Protein backbone atom coordinates (compact mmCIF):
# COMPACT_ATOMS: atom_id res chain seq x y z
CA MET A 1 -3.89 -14.85 1.75
CA TYR A 2 -3.10 -11.40 3.00
CA GLY A 3 -6.36 -9.66 2.58
CA SER A 4 -9.80 -11.10 3.11
CA SER A 5 -10.88 -14.11 1.07
CA ASN A 6 -13.33 -11.82 -0.71
CA PRO A 7 -11.38 -9.12 -2.60
CA ALA A 8 -14.46 -6.89 -2.74
CA ARG A 9 -14.20 -6.48 1.06
CA THR A 10 -10.65 -5.09 0.82
CA ALA A 11 -9.45 -1.62 -0.22
CA ILE A 12 -5.79 -0.94 -1.06
CA VAL A 13 -4.26 2.54 -1.06
CA THR A 14 -1.21 2.47 -3.30
CA CYS A 15 0.88 4.26 -5.90
CA MET A 16 -0.18 4.85 -9.49
CA ASP A 17 3.06 3.21 -10.71
CA PRO A 18 2.10 0.58 -13.33
CA ARG A 19 4.91 -1.76 -12.19
CA LEU A 20 2.85 -2.74 -9.14
CA ARG A 21 1.03 -6.04 -9.63
CA LEU A 22 -0.74 -5.99 -6.30
CA PRO A 23 -3.67 -8.39 -6.70
CA ARG A 24 -1.26 -11.09 -7.85
CA ALA A 25 1.35 -10.30 -5.16
CA LEU A 26 -1.36 -10.53 -2.49
CA GLY A 27 -2.50 -13.90 -3.78
CA TYR A 28 -5.80 -13.00 -5.40
CA SER A 29 -6.50 -15.47 -8.18
CA ALA A 30 -9.86 -14.00 -9.11
CA GLY A 31 -11.40 -10.64 -8.47
CA GLU A 32 -9.61 -7.56 -7.32
CA PRO A 33 -9.78 -5.38 -4.24
CA PHE A 34 -10.83 -1.74 -4.49
CA MET A 35 -7.68 0.09 -5.61
CA LEU A 36 -7.22 3.74 -4.62
CA ARG A 37 -4.15 4.98 -6.50
CA ASN A 38 -2.27 8.25 -6.51
CA GLY A 39 1.31 9.49 -6.81
CA GLY A 40 3.18 7.79 -3.95
CA GLY A 41 0.14 5.93 -2.61
CA ARG A 42 -0.29 8.57 0.07
CA VAL A 43 -3.33 9.05 2.29
CA THR A 44 -4.92 12.31 1.16
CA ASP A 45 -8.33 13.91 1.67
CA ASP A 46 -9.54 12.31 -1.56
CA VAL A 47 -8.33 8.87 -0.42
CA LEU A 48 -10.15 9.34 2.90
CA ARG A 49 -13.31 10.26 0.98
CA GLY A 50 -13.00 7.07 -1.08
CA LEU A 51 -12.38 4.96 2.02
CA VAL A 52 -15.46 6.37 3.74
CA LEU A 53 -17.50 5.26 0.73
CA CYS A 54 -15.81 1.83 0.65
CA THR A 55 -16.24 1.12 4.36
CA ARG A 56 -19.65 2.71 4.92
CA LEU A 57 -21.43 1.86 1.66
CA MET A 58 -19.58 -1.10 0.12
CA GLN A 59 -18.93 -3.31 3.18
CA VAL A 60 -15.12 -3.07 2.99
CA THR A 61 -13.68 -4.45 6.24
CA GLU A 62 -9.97 -4.25 5.49
CA VAL A 63 -7.77 -1.35 4.35
CA GLY A 64 -4.17 -1.82 3.27
CA VAL A 65 -1.64 0.93 2.54
CA ILE A 66 1.13 -0.31 0.26
CA HIS A 67 4.07 1.82 -0.82
CA HIS A 68 6.90 0.44 -2.93
CA THR A 69 10.63 0.39 -3.49
CA ASP A 70 12.14 2.60 -6.20
CA CYS A 71 9.31 5.15 -6.00
CA ARG A 72 9.80 8.45 -7.84
CA LEU A 73 8.42 10.29 -4.79
CA GLN A 74 11.15 8.82 -2.60
CA ASP A 75 12.94 12.17 -2.57
CA THR A 76 12.59 15.59 -0.99
CA ASN A 77 9.75 17.90 -1.94
CA GLU A 78 12.24 20.63 -2.87
CA ARG A 79 13.95 18.40 -5.43
CA LEU A 80 10.61 17.32 -6.88
CA VAL A 81 9.59 20.98 -7.25
CA ARG A 82 12.85 21.66 -9.10
CA ARG A 83 12.44 18.55 -11.30
CA THR A 84 8.80 19.23 -12.20
CA GLY A 85 8.93 23.01 -12.34
CA ILE A 86 5.65 23.15 -10.39
CA ASP A 87 5.62 24.37 -6.79
CA ARG A 88 3.29 22.15 -4.78
CA ASP A 89 3.42 19.61 -1.97
CA TYR A 90 4.08 16.21 -3.56
CA LEU A 91 4.02 14.40 -0.20
CA ALA A 92 7.55 13.20 -0.93
CA PHE A 93 9.27 10.84 1.48
CA PRO A 94 12.85 9.63 1.96
CA ASP A 95 11.90 6.26 3.46
CA PRO A 96 8.96 4.17 2.16
CA VAL A 97 8.60 2.20 5.40
CA LYS A 98 8.30 5.40 7.45
CA SER A 99 5.81 6.82 4.93
CA VAL A 100 3.64 3.70 5.29
CA LEU A 101 3.70 4.12 9.07
CA GLN A 102 2.78 7.82 8.71
CA ASP A 103 -0.15 6.96 6.45
CA ILE A 104 -1.33 4.17 8.78
CA ASP A 105 -1.28 6.70 11.64
CA GLU A 106 -3.26 9.13 9.46
CA LEU A 107 -5.91 6.46 8.81
CA ARG A 108 -6.14 5.36 12.43
CA SER A 109 -6.39 8.93 13.74
CA SER A 110 -8.98 9.96 11.12
CA GLY A 111 -11.85 8.55 13.16
CA ILE A 112 -13.64 7.23 10.08
CA PHE A 113 -13.12 3.52 10.80
CA GLY A 114 -14.86 1.50 13.44
CA PRO A 115 -13.20 -1.33 15.37
CA LEU A 116 -14.24 -3.92 12.78
CA VAL A 117 -12.12 -2.37 10.00
CA ARG A 118 -8.64 -3.84 9.84
CA VAL A 119 -5.90 -1.37 8.81
CA TRP A 120 -2.46 -2.61 7.79
CA GLY A 121 0.52 -1.45 5.76
CA GLY A 122 3.04 -3.09 3.49
CA LEU A 123 5.99 -2.50 1.20
CA TYR A 124 5.96 -3.81 -2.38
CA ASP A 125 9.35 -4.78 -3.78
CA THR A 126 9.46 -3.78 -7.46
CA ALA A 127 12.41 -6.14 -8.04
CA ASP A 128 10.66 -9.39 -7.11
CA HIS A 129 6.99 -8.32 -6.97
CA THR A 130 6.42 -9.36 -3.36
CA VAL A 131 4.84 -7.56 -0.42
CA CYS A 132 6.13 -7.54 3.15
CA VAL A 133 4.21 -6.29 6.18
CA VAL A 134 5.21 -3.01 7.82
CA ALA A 135 2.37 -2.66 10.36
CA ASP A 136 -0.75 -4.60 11.25
CA THR A 137 -3.10 -4.92 14.17
CA HIS A 138 -3.74 -8.58 13.26
CA ASP A 139 -1.48 -11.50 12.40
CA HIS A 140 0.51 -11.46 9.18
CA ALA A 141 -1.25 -14.41 7.52
CA GLY A 142 1.75 -15.71 5.61
CA LEU A 143 3.56 -12.59 4.40
CA ALA A 144 7.04 -11.82 5.66
CA THR A 145 7.51 -8.80 7.87
CA CYS A 146 9.75 -6.18 6.31
CA ALA A 147 12.24 -6.49 9.17
CA ALA A 148 12.70 -10.18 8.32
CA ARG A 149 13.45 -9.58 4.63
CA PRO A 150 16.97 -9.05 3.34
CA ARG A 151 17.67 -5.52 2.10
CA GLY A 152 19.08 -4.67 -1.28
CA ARG A 153 18.07 -5.06 -4.89
CA ARG A 154 17.60 -8.54 -6.31
CA ARG A 155 17.01 -9.56 -9.87
CA PRO A 156 13.43 -10.74 -10.29
CA PRO A 157 13.22 -14.52 -10.69
CA GLY A 158 10.50 -14.17 -13.31
CA PRO A 159 6.76 -13.74 -12.97
CA ALA A 160 5.55 -13.55 -9.39
CA THR A 161 3.93 -16.67 -8.02
CA PRO A 162 1.07 -16.07 -5.60
CA LYS A 163 2.01 -17.18 -2.10
CA HIS A 164 -1.53 -18.34 -1.40
CA GLY A 165 -4.07 -20.21 -3.52
């Protein structure tokens, strides 16, 4: 299973998009990791605040950042300002893999995690409801790396089947 065997020791930073079925895609059959969701699944000050609480008070030892394909924030900030009519920084990104790497760097450089907290990043495919690994300091424990996955849209084969029991 990607993620610790105890979901309560894992925190996932991800998008608020309801299409994401992350506990199932990560192989959790019972329980759920701490889910910190926002538009785009970006690492923000509020996410950092939540992760401090998770890692320092709730014994979380693993943090995953998972962005996804077909995200509405996969655009430029200027276009999102025009589309919404509200001028603010939406933390838009043209490439979800690069945005995961940026957010992983943000977490690692924050100084809030000790050496025992594992930080990794992944990309959720909204077409087939699977996750591939973008970056990790540990082994990949059964998930494909994003570089090894074929690109392009595929029709979902039906409900996702957990890769791990």
